[in-house]
């Protein structure tokens, strides 16, 4: 791990949640502006896939349902719903034997 990465991690740990939110938002806006359009979807997909479990850790079923209900209208405003194949997206979906909100 580079010195720059270590220093950044130490710095971020000392920030308030609002400061982290502001900093993350600014960083994402800057990166997205520089990133070629054809790479953005892959980057965003990877960002979510690699971090969603950690972000949801400790949230129970009720908190997750509330979060999803709050996020769905936001997502609906930003995606072309008429072009989304919901049934196809879940055609091969097999949920875990034990949902991660029930694991210790």
PDB file of N, CA and C in Angstrom:
ATOM      1  N   UNK A   1       0.844  -1.164   0.000  1.00  0.00           N
ATOM      2  CA  UNK A   1       0.000   0.000   0.000  1.00  0.00           C
ATOM      3  C   UNK A   1       0.900   1.240   0.000  1.00  0.00           C
ATOM      4  N   UNK A   2       0.558   2.203  -0.826  1.00  0.00           N
ATOM      5  CA  UNK A   2       1.390   3.397  -0.945  1.00  0.00           C
ATOM      6  C   UNK A   2       1.209   4.323   0.258  1.00  0.00           C
ATOM      7  N   UNK A   3       2.185   5.165   0.460  1.00  0.00           N
ATOM      8  CA  UNK A   3       2.127   6.146   1.543  1.00  0.00           C
ATOM      9  C   UNK A   3       0.937   7.076   1.346  1.00  0.00           C
ATOM     10  N   UNK A   4       0.689   7.452   0.101  1.00  0.00           N
ATOM     11  CA  UNK A   4      -0.437   8.335  -0.205  1.00  0.00           C
ATOM     12  C   UNK A   4      -1.758   7.686   0.217  1.00  0.00           C
ATOM     13  N   UNK A   5      -1.908   6.405  -0.061  1.00  0.00           N
ATOM     14  CA  UNK A   5      -3.122   5.682   0.315  1.00  0.00           C
ATOM     15  C   UNK A   5      -3.254   5.595   1.827  1.00  0.00           C
ATOM     16  N   UNK A   6      -2.167   5.301   2.509  1.00  0.00           N
ATOM     17  CA  UNK A   6      -2.201   5.220   3.976  1.00  0.00           C
ATOM     18  C   UNK A   6      -2.583   6.558   4.599  1.00  0.00           C
ATOM     19  N   UNK A   7      -1.992   7.629   4.116  1.00  0.00           N
ATOM     20  CA  UNK A   7      -2.305   8.961   4.643  1.00  0.00           C
ATOM     21  C   UNK A   7      -3.755   9.348   4.369  1.00  0.00           C
ATOM     22  N   UNK A   8      -4.236   9.006   3.188  1.00  0.00           N
ATOM     23  CA  UNK A   8      -5.627   9.301   2.846  1.00  0.00           C
ATOM     24  C   UNK A   8      -6.575   8.559   3.776  1.00  0.00           C
ATOM     25  N   UNK A   9      -6.309   7.291   4.028  1.00  0.00           N
ATOM     26  CA  UNK A   9      -7.162   6.509   4.928  1.00  0.00           C
ATOM     27  C   UNK A   9      -7.169   7.092   6.337  1.00  0.00           C
ATOM     28  N   UNK A  10      -6.008   7.487   6.837  1.00  0.00           N
ATOM     29  CA  UNK A  10      -5.942   8.088   8.171  1.00  0.00           C
ATOM     30  C   UNK A  10      -6.725   9.395   8.210  1.00  0.00           C
ATOM     31  N   UNK A  11      -6.608  10.183   7.171  1.00  0.00           N
ATOM     32  CA  UNK A  11      -7.319  11.453   7.090  1.00  0.00           C
ATOM     33  C   UNK A  11      -8.835  11.236   7.068  1.00  0.00           C
ATOM     34  N   UNK A  12      -9.285  10.313   6.226  1.00  0.00           N
ATOM     35  CA  UNK A  12     -10.722  10.068   6.074  1.00  0.00           C
ATOM     36  C   UNK A  12     -11.336   9.558   7.374  1.00  0.00           C
ATOM     37  N   UNK A  13     -10.616   8.746   8.119  1.00  0.00           N
ATOM     38  CA  UNK A  13     -11.136   8.214   9.388  1.00  0.00           C
ATOM     39  C   UNK A  13     -11.460   9.324  10.384  1.00  0.00           C
ATOM     40  N   UNK A  14     -10.819  10.447  10.255  1.00  0.00           N
ATOM     41  CA  UNK A  14     -11.012  11.549  11.206  1.00  0.00           C
ATOM     42  C   UNK A  14     -12.120  12.510  10.786  1.00  0.00           C
ATOM     43  N   UNK A  15     -12.689  12.316   9.611  1.00  0.00           N
ATOM     44  CA  UNK A  15     -13.728  13.210   9.109  1.00  0.00           C
ATOM     45  C   UNK A  15     -15.096  12.855   9.679  1.00  0.00           C
ATOM     46  N   UNK A  16     -15.970  13.838   9.713  1.00  0.00           N
ATOM     47  CA  UNK A  16     -17.355  13.599  10.115  1.00  0.00           C
ATOM     48  C   UNK A  16     -18.082  12.903   8.964  1.00  0.00           C
ATOM     49  N   UNK A  17     -19.212  12.245   9.254  1.00  0.00           N
ATOM     50  CA  UNK A  17     -19.976  11.616   8.173  1.00  0.00           C
ATOM     51  C   UNK A  17     -20.359  12.618   7.070  1.00  0.00           C
ATOM     52  N   UNK A  18     -20.719  13.837   7.444  1.00  0.00           N
ATOM     53  CA  UNK A  18     -21.083  14.841   6.436  1.00  0.00           C
ATOM     54  C   UNK A  18     -19.882  15.217   5.572  1.00  0.00           C
ATOM     55  N   UNK A  19     -18.716  15.354   6.197  1.00  0.00           N
ATOM     56  CA  UNK A  19     -17.509  15.671   5.427  1.00  0.00           C
ATOM     57  C   UNK A  19     -17.161  14.540   4.461  1.00  0.00           C
ATOM     58  N   UNK A  20     -17.320  13.295   4.906  1.00  0.00           N
ATOM     59  CA  UNK A  20     -17.051  12.151   4.026  1.00  0.00           C
ATOM     60  C   UNK A  20     -18.032  12.156   2.860  1.00  0.00           C
ATOM     61  N   UNK A  21     -19.304  12.425   3.138  1.00  0.00           N
ATOM     62  CA  UNK A  21     -20.320  12.482   2.087  1.00  0.00           C
ATOM     63  C   UNK A  21     -19.991  13.576   1.075  1.00  0.00           C
ATOM     64  N   UNK A  22     -19.635  14.752   1.570  1.00  0.00           N
ATOM     65  CA  UNK A  22     -19.282  15.862   0.676  1.00  0.00           C
ATOM     66  C   UNK A  22     -18.050  15.531  -0.162  1.00  0.00           C
ATOM     67  N   UNK A  23     -17.036  14.990   0.474  1.00  0.00           N
ATOM     68  CA  UNK A  23     -15.793  14.650  -0.212  1.00  0.00           C
ATOM     69  C   UNK A  23     -16.020  13.550  -1.256  1.00  0.00           C
ATOM     70  N   UNK A  24     -16.784  12.531  -0.884  1.00  0.00           N
ATOM     71  CA  UNK A  24     -17.073  11.438  -1.820  1.00  0.00           C
ATOM     72  C   UNK A  24     -17.858  11.956  -3.023  1.00  0.00           C
ATOM     73  N   UNK A  25     -18.846  12.804  -2.768  1.00  0.00           N
ATOM     74  CA  UNK A  25     -19.632  13.367  -3.865  1.00  0.00           C
ATOM     75  C   UNK A  25     -18.777  14.173  -4.822  1.00  0.00           C
ATOM     76  N   UNK A  26     -17.910  14.991  -4.262  1.00  0.00           N
ATOM     77  CA  UNK A  26     -17.015  15.803  -5.090  1.00  0.00           C
ATOM     78  C   UNK A  26     -16.067  14.916  -5.899  1.00  0.00           C
ATOM     79  N   UNK A  27     -15.505  13.904  -5.255  1.00  0.00           N
ATOM     80  CA  UNK A  27     -14.576  13.005  -5.947  1.00  0.00           C
ATOM     81  C   UNK A  27     -15.276  12.260  -7.077  1.00  0.00           C
ATOM     82  N   UNK A  28     -16.471  11.749  -6.815  1.00  0.00           N
ATOM     83  CA  UNK A  28     -17.203  11.011  -7.848  1.00  0.00           C
ATOM     84  C   UNK A  28     -17.534  11.928  -9.022  1.00  0.00           C
ATOM     85  N   UNK A  29     -17.994  13.149  -8.745  1.00  0.00           N
ATOM     86  CA  UNK A  29     -18.304  14.083  -9.839  1.00  0.00           C
ATOM     87  C   UNK A  29     -17.066  14.366 -10.691  1.00  0.00           C
ATOM     88  N   UNK A  30     -15.923  14.574 -10.048  1.00  0.00           N
ATOM     89  CA  UNK A  30     -14.690  14.848 -10.795  1.00  0.00           C
ATOM     90  C   UNK A  30     -14.253  13.636 -11.612  1.00  0.00           C
ATOM     91  N   UNK A  31     -14.298  12.447 -11.010  1.00  0.00           N
ATOM     92  CA  UNK A  31     -13.890  11.237 -11.735  1.00  0.00           C
ATOM     93  C   UNK A  31     -14.808  10.964 -12.911  1.00  0.00           C
ATOM     94  N   UNK A  32     -16.104  11.113 -12.698  1.00  0.00           N
ATOM     95  CA  UNK A  32     -17.057  10.843 -13.773  1.00  0.00           C
ATOM     96  C   UNK A  32     -16.871  11.826 -14.922  1.00  0.00           C
ATOM     97  N   UNK A  33     -16.551  13.073 -14.613  1.00  0.00           N
ATOM     98  CA  UNK A  33     -16.344  14.070 -15.661  1.00  0.00           C
ATOM     99  C   UNK A  33     -15.122  13.726 -16.518  1.00  0.00           C
ATOM    100  N   UNK A  34     -14.116  13.117 -15.926  1.00  0.00           N
ATOM    101  CA  UNK A  34     -12.890  12.761 -16.657  1.00  0.00           C
ATOM    102  C   UNK A  34     -12.974  11.394 -17.320  1.00  0.00           C
ATOM    103  N   UNK A  35     -13.863  10.550 -16.831  1.00  0.00           N
ATOM    104  CA  UNK A  35     -13.945   9.174 -17.321  1.00  0.00           C
ATOM    105  C   UNK A  35     -14.714   9.132 -18.642  1.00  0.00           C
ATOM    106  N   UNK A  36     -14.197   8.394 -19.617  1.00  0.00           N
ATOM    107  CA  UNK A  36     -14.943   8.242 -20.871  1.00  0.00           C
ATOM    108  C   UNK A  36     -16.319   7.620 -20.605  1.00  0.00           C
ATOM    109  N   UNK A  37     -17.312   8.085 -21.334  1.00  0.00           N
ATOM    110  CA  UNK A  37     -18.688   7.634 -21.127  1.00  0.00           C
ATOM    111  C   UNK A  37     -18.796   6.116 -21.197  1.00  0.00           C
ATOM    112  N   UNK A  38     -18.079   5.494 -22.122  1.00  0.00           N
ATOM    113  CA  UNK A  38     -18.184   4.041 -22.277  1.00  0.00           C
ATOM    114  C   UNK A  38     -17.604   3.266 -21.094  1.00  0.00           C
ATOM    115  N   UNK A  39     -16.854   3.912 -20.211  1.00  0.00           N
ATOM    116  CA  UNK A  39     -16.296   3.243 -19.035  1.00  0.00           C
ATOM    117  C   UNK A  39     -17.125   3.478 -17.769  1.00  0.00           C
ATOM    118  N   UNK A  40     -18.011   4.453 -17.803  1.00  0.00           N
ATOM    119  CA  UNK A  40     -18.755   4.819 -16.591  1.00  0.00           C
ATOM    120  C   UNK A  40     -19.639   3.705 -16.053  1.00  0.00           C
ATOM    121  N   UNK A  41     -20.404   3.061 -16.927  1.00  0.00           N
ATOM    122  CA  UNK A  41     -21.320   2.010 -16.469  1.00  0.00           C
ATOM    123  C   UNK A  41     -20.546   0.870 -15.814  1.00  0.00           C
ATOM    124  N   UNK A  42     -19.436   0.472 -16.417  1.00  0.00           N
ATOM    125  CA  UNK A  42     -18.629  -0.607 -15.839  1.00  0.00           C
ATOM    126  C   UNK A  42     -18.063  -0.187 -14.488  1.00  0.00           C
ATOM    127  N   UNK A  43     -17.597   1.058 -14.377  1.00  0.00           N
ATOM    128  CA  UNK A  43     -17.054   1.557 -13.118  1.00  0.00           C
ATOM    129  C   UNK A  43     -18.129   1.585 -12.038  1.00  0.00           C
ATOM    130  N   UNK A  44     -19.306   2.130 -12.360  1.00  0.00           N
ATOM    131  CA  UNK A  44     -20.387   2.204 -11.376  1.00  0.00           C
ATOM    132  C   UNK A  44     -20.852   0.820 -10.952  1.00  0.00           C
ATOM    133  N   UNK A  45     -20.944  -0.090 -11.903  1.00  0.00           N
ATOM    134  CA  UNK A  45     -21.342  -1.458 -11.584  1.00  0.00           C
ATOM    135  C   UNK A  45     -20.344  -2.095 -10.627  1.00  0.00           C
ATOM    136  N   UNK A  46     -19.085  -1.936 -10.916  1.00  0.00           N
ATOM    137  CA  UNK A  46     -18.037  -2.501 -10.059  1.00  0.00           C
ATOM    138  C   UNK A  46     -18.033  -1.852  -8.679  1.00  0.00           C
ATOM    139  N   UNK A  47     -18.220  -0.545  -8.627  1.00  0.00           N
ATOM    140  CA  UNK A  47     -18.266   0.179  -7.361  1.00  0.00           C
ATOM    141  C   UNK A  47     -19.364  -0.380  -6.460  1.00  0.00           C
ATOM    142  N   UNK A  48     -20.543  -0.602  -7.029  1.00  0.00           N
ATOM    143  CA  UNK A  48     -21.662  -1.143  -6.253  1.00  0.00           C
ATOM    144  C   UNK A  48     -21.398  -2.596  -5.873  1.00  0.00           C
ATOM    145  N   UNK A  49     -21.001  -3.416  -6.838  1.00  0.00           N
ATOM    146  CA  UNK A  49     -20.767  -4.836  -6.568  1.00  0.00           C
ATOM    147  C   UNK A  49     -19.729  -5.058  -5.475  1.00  0.00           C
ATOM    148  N   UNK A  50     -18.679  -4.255  -5.467  1.00  0.00           N
ATOM    149  CA  UNK A  50     -17.585  -4.463  -4.522  1.00  0.00           C
ATOM    150  C   UNK A  50     -17.821  -3.831  -3.155  1.00  0.00           C
ATOM    151  N   UNK A  51     -18.833  -2.960  -3.040  1.00  0.00           N
ATOM    152  CA  UNK A  51     -19.009  -2.237  -1.784  1.00  0.00           C
ATOM    153  C   UNK A  51     -20.393  -2.343  -1.156  1.00  0.00           C
ATOM    154  N   UNK A  52     -21.363  -2.885  -1.868  1.00  0.00           N
ATOM    155  CA  UNK A  52     -22.725  -2.912  -1.343  1.00  0.00           C
ATOM    156  C   UNK A  52     -22.850  -3.757  -0.082  1.00  0.00           C
ATOM    157  N   UNK A  53     -22.251  -4.923  -0.061  1.00  0.00           N
ATOM    158  CA  UNK A  53     -22.345  -5.778   1.128  1.00  0.00           C
ATOM    159  C   UNK A  53     -21.804  -5.073   2.364  1.00  0.00           C
ATOM    160  N   UNK A  54     -20.673  -4.411   2.220  1.00  0.00           N
ATOM    161  CA  UNK A  54     -20.090  -3.685   3.359  1.00  0.00           C
ATOM    162  C   UNK A  54     -20.983  -2.527   3.781  1.00  0.00           C
ATOM    163  N   UNK A  55     -21.575  -1.845   2.810  1.00  0.00           N
ATOM    164  CA  UNK A  55     -22.439  -0.705   3.125  1.00  0.00           C
ATOM    165  C   UNK A  55     -23.709  -1.137   3.853  1.00  0.00           C
ATOM    166  N   UNK A  56     -24.190  -2.333   3.557  1.00  0.00           N
ATOM    167  CA  UNK A  56     -25.430  -2.830   4.170  1.00  0.00           C
ATOM    168  C   UNK A  56     -25.195  -3.625   5.447  1.00  0.00           C
ATOM    169  N   UNK A  57     -23.947  -3.910   5.758  1.00  0.00           N
ATOM    170  CA  UNK A  57     -23.627  -4.717   6.936  1.00  0.00           C
ATOM    171  C   UNK A  57     -24.240  -4.089   8.187  1.00  0.00           C
ATOM    172  N   UNK A  58     -24.908  -4.918   8.966  1.00  0.00           N
ATOM    173  CA  UNK A  58     -25.522  -4.456  10.204  1.00  0.00           C
ATOM    174  C   UNK A  58     -26.952  -3.976  10.042  1.00  0.00           C
ATOM    175  N   UNK A  59     -27.402  -3.782   8.804  1.00  0.00           N
ATOM    176  CA  UNK A  59     -28.792  -3.388   8.581  1.00  0.00           C
ATOM    177  C   UNK A  59     -29.655  -4.640   8.532  1.00  0.00           C
ATOM    178  N   UNK A  60     -30.733  -4.626   9.264  1.00  0.00           N
ATOM    179  CA  UNK A  60     -31.647  -5.756   9.272  1.00  0.00           C
ATOM    180  C   UNK A  60     -32.623  -5.704   8.113  1.00  0.00           C
ATOM    181  N   UNK A  61     -33.495  -6.668   8.078  1.00  0.00           N
ATOM    182  CA  UNK A  61     -34.483  -6.777   7.007  1.00  0.00           C
ATOM    183  C   UNK A  61     -35.333  -5.513   6.897  1.00  0.00           C
ATOM    184  N   UNK A  62     -35.821  -5.011   8.026  1.00  0.00           N
ATOM    185  CA  UNK A  62     -36.693  -3.830   8.010  1.00  0.00           C
ATOM    186  C   UNK A  62     -35.953  -2.590   7.497  1.00  0.00           C
ATOM    187  N   UNK A  63     -34.720  -2.385   7.969  1.00  0.00           N
ATOM    188  CA  UNK A  63     -33.942  -1.227   7.518  1.00  0.00           C
ATOM    189  C   UNK A  63     -33.625  -1.322   6.026  1.00  0.00           C
ATOM    190  N   UNK A  64     -33.344  -2.525   5.566  1.00  0.00           N
ATOM    191  CA  UNK A  64     -33.048  -2.713   4.142  1.00  0.00           C
ATOM    192  C   UNK A  64     -34.284  -2.465   3.285  1.00  0.00           C
ATOM    193  N   UNK A  65     -35.433  -2.934   3.755  1.00  0.00           N
ATOM    194  CA  UNK A  65     -36.667  -2.698   3.005  1.00  0.00           C
ATOM    195  C   UNK A  65     -36.971  -1.204   2.936  1.00  0.00           C
ATOM    196  N   UNK A  66     -36.801  -0.506   4.044  1.00  0.00           N
ATOM    197  CA  UNK A  66     -37.025   0.945   4.065  1.00  0.00           C
ATOM    198  C   UNK A  66     -36.064   1.646   3.117  1.00  0.00           C
ATOM    199  N   UNK A  67     -34.803   1.264   3.166  1.00  0.00           N
ATOM    200  CA  UNK A  67     -33.804   1.854   2.275  1.00  0.00           C
ATOM    201  C   UNK A  67     -34.178   1.623   0.816  1.00  0.00           C
ATOM    202  N   UNK A  68     -34.541   0.396   0.474  1.00  0.00           N
ATOM    203  CA  UNK A  68     -34.906   0.077  -0.909  1.00  0.00           C
ATOM    204  C   UNK A  68     -36.130   0.878  -1.337  1.00  0.00           C
ATOM    205  N   UNK A  69     -37.126   0.977  -0.458  1.00  0.00           N
ATOM    206  CA  UNK A  69     -38.320   1.758  -0.780  1.00  0.00           C
ATOM    207  C   UNK A  69     -37.990   3.230  -0.988  1.00  0.00           C
ATOM    208  N   UNK A  70     -36.998   3.737  -0.267  1.00  0.00           N
ATOM    209  CA  UNK A  70     -36.582   5.131  -0.444  1.00  0.00           C
ATOM    210  C   UNK A  70     -35.753   5.328  -1.710  1.00  0.00           C
ATOM    211  N   UNK A  71     -34.977   4.315  -2.079  1.00  0.00           N
ATOM    212  CA  UNK A  71     -34.115   4.432  -3.254  1.00  0.00           C
ATOM    213  C   UNK A  71     -34.855   4.211  -4.573  1.00  0.00           C
ATOM    214  N   UNK A  72     -35.884   3.380  -4.578  1.00  0.00           N
ATOM    215  CA  UNK A  72     -36.568   3.060  -5.834  1.00  0.00           C
ATOM    216  C   UNK A  72     -37.089   4.290  -6.576  1.00  0.00           C
ATOM    217  N   UNK A  73     -37.770   5.240  -5.909  1.00  0.00           N
ATOM    218  CA  UNK A  73     -38.219   6.425  -6.654  1.00  0.00           C
ATOM    219  C   UNK A  73     -37.055   7.236  -7.235  1.00  0.00           C
ATOM    220  N   UNK A  74     -35.963   7.316  -6.512  1.00  0.00           N
ATOM    221  CA  UNK A  74     -34.779   8.024  -7.007  1.00  0.00           C
ATOM    222  C   UNK A  74     -34.227   7.320  -8.246  1.00  0.00           C
ATOM    223  N   UNK A  75     -34.096   6.014  -8.174  1.00  0.00           N
ATOM    224  CA  UNK A  75     -33.606   5.250  -9.321  1.00  0.00           C
ATOM    225  C   UNK A  75     -34.546   5.383 -10.512  1.00  0.00           C
ATOM    226  N   UNK A  76     -35.840   5.359 -10.247  1.00  0.00           N
ATOM    227  CA  UNK A  76     -36.825   5.454 -11.329  1.00  0.00           C
ATOM    228  C   UNK A  76     -36.715   6.780 -12.081  1.00  0.00           C
ATOM    229  N   UNK A  77     -36.313   7.830 -11.389  1.00  0.00           N
ATOM    230  CA  UNK A  77     -36.161   9.135 -12.049  1.00  0.00           C
ATOM    231  C   UNK A  77     -34.939   9.183 -12.965  1.00  0.00           C
ATOM    232  N   UNK A  78     -33.997   8.289 -12.777  1.00  0.00           N
ATOM    233  CA  UNK A  78     -32.742   8.358 -13.524  1.00  0.00           C
ATOM    234  C   UNK A  78     -32.547   7.245 -14.550  1.00  0.00           C
ATOM    235  N   UNK A  79     -33.485   6.319 -14.643  1.00  0.00           N
ATOM    236  CA  UNK A  79     -33.339   5.217 -15.580  1.00  0.00           C
ATOM    237  C   UNK A  79     -34.573   5.115 -16.474  1.00  0.00           C
ATOM    238  N   UNK A  80     -34.385   4.704 -17.740  1.00  0.00           N
ATOM    239  CA  UNK A  80     -35.513   4.569 -18.671  1.00  0.00           C
ATOM    240  C   UNK A  80     -36.307   3.290 -18.366  1.00  0.00           C
ATOM    241  N   UNK A  81     -37.283   3.401 -17.494  1.00  0.00           N
ATOM    242  CA  UNK A  81     -38.014   2.221 -17.024  1.00  0.00           C
ATOM    243  C   UNK A  81     -38.640   1.410 -18.152  1.00  0.00           C
ATOM    244  N   UNK A  82     -39.062   2.085 -19.227  1.00  0.00           N
ATOM    245  CA  UNK A  82     -39.692   1.355 -20.328  1.00  0.00           C
ATOM    246  C   UNK A  82     -38.710   0.427 -21.045  1.00  0.00           C
ATOM    247  N   UNK A  83     -37.417   0.631 -20.854  1.00  0.00           N
ATOM    248  CA  UNK A  83     -36.403  -0.206 -21.501  1.00  0.00           C
ATOM    249  C   UNK A  83     -35.788  -1.250 -20.570  1.00  0.00           C
ATOM    250  N   UNK A  84     -36.213  -1.279 -19.327  1.00  0.00           N
ATOM    251  CA  UNK A  84     -35.609  -2.184 -18.352  1.00  0.00           C
ATOM    252  C   UNK A  84     -36.388  -3.494 -18.306  1.00  0.00           C
ATOM    253  N   UNK A  85     -35.673  -4.604 -18.415  1.00  0.00           N
ATOM    254  CA  UNK A  85     -36.264  -5.942 -18.400  1.00  0.00           C
ATOM    255  C   UNK A  85     -36.174  -6.512 -16.979  1.00  0.00           C
ATOM    256  N   UNK A  86     -37.138  -6.144 -16.143  1.00  0.00           N
ATOM    257  CA  UNK A  86     -37.130  -6.572 -14.739  1.00  0.00           C
ATOM    258  C   UNK A  86     -37.199  -8.095 -14.634  1.00  0.00           C
ATOM    259  N   UNK A  87     -38.106  -8.709 -15.371  1.00  0.00           N
ATOM    260  CA  UNK A  87     -38.243 -10.166 -15.293  1.00  0.00           C
ATOM    261  C   UNK A  87     -36.976 -10.867 -15.767  1.00  0.00           C
ATOM    262  N   UNK A  88     -36.378 -10.374 -16.830  1.00  0.00           N
ATOM    263  CA  UNK A  88     -35.144 -10.964 -17.337  1.00  0.00           C
ATOM    264  C   UNK A  88     -33.991 -10.814 -16.357  1.00  0.00           C
ATOM    265  N   UNK A  89     -33.949  -9.681 -15.665  1.00  0.00           N
ATOM    266  CA  UNK A  89     -32.872  -9.436 -14.701  1.00  0.00           C
ATOM    267  C   UNK A  89     -32.913 -10.436 -13.554  1.00  0.00           C
ATOM    268  N   UNK A  90     -34.105 -10.909 -13.216  1.00  0.00           N
ATOM    269  CA  UNK A  90     -34.247 -11.838 -12.099  1.00  0.00           C
ATOM    270  C   UNK A  90     -34.489 -13.279 -12.546  1.00  0.00           C
ATOM    271  N   UNK A  91     -34.412 -13.547 -13.839  1.00  0.00           N
ATOM    272  CA  UNK A  91     -34.713 -14.886 -14.355  1.00  0.00           C
ATOM    273  C   UNK A  91     -33.817 -15.961 -13.751  1.00  0.00           C
ATOM    274  N   UNK A  92     -32.548 -15.684 -13.618  1.00  0.00           N
ATOM    275  CA  UNK A  92     -31.602 -16.674 -13.090  1.00  0.00           C
ATOM    276  C   UNK A  92     -31.216 -16.406 -11.642  1.00  0.00           C
ATOM    277  N   UNK A  93     -31.928 -15.511 -10.986  1.00  0.00           N
ATOM    278  CA  UNK A  93     -31.585 -15.119  -9.618  1.00  0.00           C
ATOM    279  C   UNK A  93     -31.884 -16.245  -8.643  1.00  0.00           C
ATOM    280  N   UNK A  94     -30.891 -16.561  -7.851  1.00  0.00           N
ATOM    281  CA  UNK A  94     -31.065 -17.528  -6.773  1.00  0.00           C
ATOM    282  C   UNK A  94     -30.550 -16.851  -5.515  1.00  0.00           C
ATOM    283  N   UNK A  95     -31.443 -16.580  -4.600  1.00  0.00           N
ATOM    284  CA  UNK A  95     -31.059 -15.921  -3.363  1.00  0.00           C
ATOM    285  C   UNK A  95     -30.219 -16.832  -2.495  1.00  0.00           C
ATOM    286  N   UNK A  96     -29.514 -16.268  -1.534  1.00  0.00           N
ATOM    287  CA  UNK A  96     -28.703 -17.086  -0.629  1.00  0.00           C
ATOM    288  C   UNK A  96     -29.586 -17.967   0.247  1.00  0.00           C
ATOM    289  N   UNK A  97     -29.050 -19.102   0.686  1.00  0.00           N
ATOM    290  CA  UNK A  97     -29.793 -19.979   1.588  1.00  0.00           C
ATOM    291  C   UNK A  97     -30.192 -19.221   2.847  1.00  0.00           C
ATOM    292  N   UNK A  98     -29.249 -18.460   3.382  1.00  0.00           N
ATOM    293  CA  UNK A  98     -29.511 -17.617   4.541  1.00  0.00           C
ATOM    294  C   UNK A  98     -29.201 -16.187   4.135  1.00  0.00           C
ATOM    295  N   UNK A  99     -30.217 -15.315   4.103  1.00  0.00           N
ATOM    296  CA  UNK A  99     -29.952 -13.919   3.732  1.00  0.00           C
ATOM    297  C   UNK A  99     -28.887 -13.313   4.641  1.00  0.00           C
ATOM    298  N   UNK A 100     -28.079 -12.421   4.089  1.00  0.00           N
ATOM    299  CA  UNK A 100     -26.968 -11.885   4.881  1.00  0.00           C
ATOM    300  C   UNK A 100     -27.431 -11.045   6.060  1.00  0.00           C
ATOM    301  N   UNK A 101     -28.669 -10.558   6.074  1.00  0.00           N
ATOM    302  CA  UNK A 101     -29.153  -9.812   7.238  1.00  0.00           C
ATOM    303  C   UNK A 101     -29.500 -10.739   8.400  1.00  0.00           C
ATOM    304  N   UNK A 102     -29.554 -12.046   8.129  1.00  0.00           N
ATOM    305  CA  UNK A 102     -29.839 -13.012   9.193  1.00  0.00           C
ATOM    306  C   UNK A 102     -28.577 -13.710   9.693  1.00  0.00           C
ATOM    307  N   UNK A 103     -27.452 -13.464   9.031  1.00  0.00           N
ATOM    308  CA  UNK A 103     -26.193 -14.089   9.443  1.00  0.00           C
ATOM    309  C   UNK A 103     -25.596 -13.330  10.608  1.00  0.00           C
ATOM    310  N   UNK A 104     -24.861 -14.039  11.436  1.00  0.00           N
ATOM    311  CA  UNK A 104     -24.200 -13.389  12.577  1.00  0.00           C
ATOM    312  C   UNK A 104     -22.970 -12.663  12.146  1.00  0.00           C
TER     313      UNK A 104
END
